[in-house]
Amino acid sequence: MRLIKISMKENEIIVTVVLNCKPSERVRDDISEATTEIVVDFPWGTMIAEQLEISTAPLPNENILECGWIFQRAEYQ
């Protein structure tokens, strides 16, 4: 995993995970388990969406706090 960020729009939590290759079943299960743990802390009716993006391009140049980054893997060029 290269990047994990989270945002909320109305009653939907969006977890975006950027990977450098297709995720294994284990990685998909880990992401699903994490999103389940997140959503249980919110009121009933809150939805959660998982977005998996496969990319080797440079990570976006954005304000990490405003955009909800919660993890970034160290990448050396």
Protein backbone atom coordinates (compact mmCIF):
# COMPACT_ATOMS: atom_id res chain seq x y z
CA MET A 1 0.00 0.00 0.00
CA ARG A 2 1.35 3.38 -1.01
CA LEU A 3 -1.29 5.68 0.38
CA ILE A 4 -4.44 5.50 2.49
CA LYS A 5 -6.78 8.45 2.85
CA ILE A 6 -10.25 8.91 4.22
CA SER A 7 -12.99 11.44 3.63
CA MET A 8 -16.67 11.84 4.39
CA LYS A 9 -19.44 13.18 2.17
CA GLU A 10 -22.83 13.49 3.87
CA ASN A 11 -23.45 10.02 5.33
CA GLU A 12 -20.76 8.14 3.36
CA ILE A 13 -17.19 7.49 4.47
CA ILE A 14 -14.79 6.98 1.58
CA VAL A 15 -11.56 5.07 2.15
CA THR A 16 -9.12 5.35 -0.75
CA VAL A 17 -6.16 2.97 -0.94
CA VAL A 18 -3.48 3.48 -3.58
CA LEU A 19 -1.42 0.38 -4.39
CA ASN A 20 1.43 -0.20 -6.83
CA CYS A 21 0.07 -3.57 -7.99
CA LYS A 22 -3.11 -5.64 -7.91
CA PRO A 23 -3.93 -6.42 -4.26
CA SER A 24 -3.89 -9.98 -2.99
CA GLU A 25 -6.96 -11.47 -1.41
CA ARG A 26 -5.30 -10.99 1.98
CA VAL A 27 -4.83 -7.25 1.35
CA ARG A 28 -8.46 -6.93 0.21
CA ASP A 29 -9.60 -8.71 3.38
CA ASP A 30 -7.43 -6.44 5.55
CA ILE A 31 -8.91 -3.33 3.93
CA SER A 32 -12.44 -4.65 4.33
CA GLU A 33 -11.83 -5.48 7.98
CA ALA A 34 -10.40 -2.00 8.63
CA THR A 35 -13.36 -0.26 6.98
CA THR A 36 -15.76 -2.37 9.04
CA GLU A 37 -13.99 -1.26 12.22
CA ILE A 38 -14.21 2.38 11.10
CA VAL A 39 -17.91 2.40 10.22
CA VAL A 40 -19.06 0.87 13.52
CA ASP A 41 -17.92 4.03 15.30
CA PHE A 42 -20.40 6.15 13.34
CA PRO A 43 -24.17 6.50 13.68
CA TRP A 44 -26.46 3.88 12.16
CA GLY A 45 -27.10 4.58 8.50
CA THR A 46 -23.57 5.71 7.74
CA MET A 47 -22.31 4.02 4.59
CA ILE A 48 -18.70 3.19 3.72
CA ALA A 49 -17.04 2.88 0.32
CA GLU A 50 -13.67 1.35 -0.47
CA GLN A 51 -11.78 2.71 -3.47
CA LEU A 52 -8.73 0.75 -4.56
CA GLU A 53 -6.49 2.49 -7.09
CA ILE A 54 -3.53 0.82 -8.76
CA SER A 55 -0.89 3.35 -9.74
CA THR A 56 2.87 3.68 -9.96
CA ALA A 57 2.66 7.37 -10.87
CA PRO A 58 3.89 9.94 -8.38
CA LEU A 59 1.48 10.49 -5.51
CA PRO A 60 -0.68 13.59 -5.75
CA ASN A 61 0.79 16.86 -4.56
CA GLU A 62 -2.01 17.95 -2.22
CA ASN A 63 -2.47 19.15 1.34
CA ILE A 64 -2.33 15.88 3.24
CA LEU A 65 -4.37 17.15 6.19
CA GLU A 66 -7.15 18.66 4.09
CA CYS A 67 -7.33 15.55 1.92
CA GLY A 68 -7.45 13.07 4.81
CA TRP A 69 -4.19 11.20 4.31
CA ILE A 70 -3.71 8.71 7.16
CA PHE A 71 -0.78 6.70 5.74
CA GLN A 72 1.93 7.26 3.15
CA ARG A 73 4.64 4.73 2.44
CA ALA A 74 8.13 6.18 2.18
CA GLU A 75 9.16 6.16 -1.46
CA TYR A 76 12.70 6.82 -2.60
CA GLN A 77 13.53 7.83 -6.12
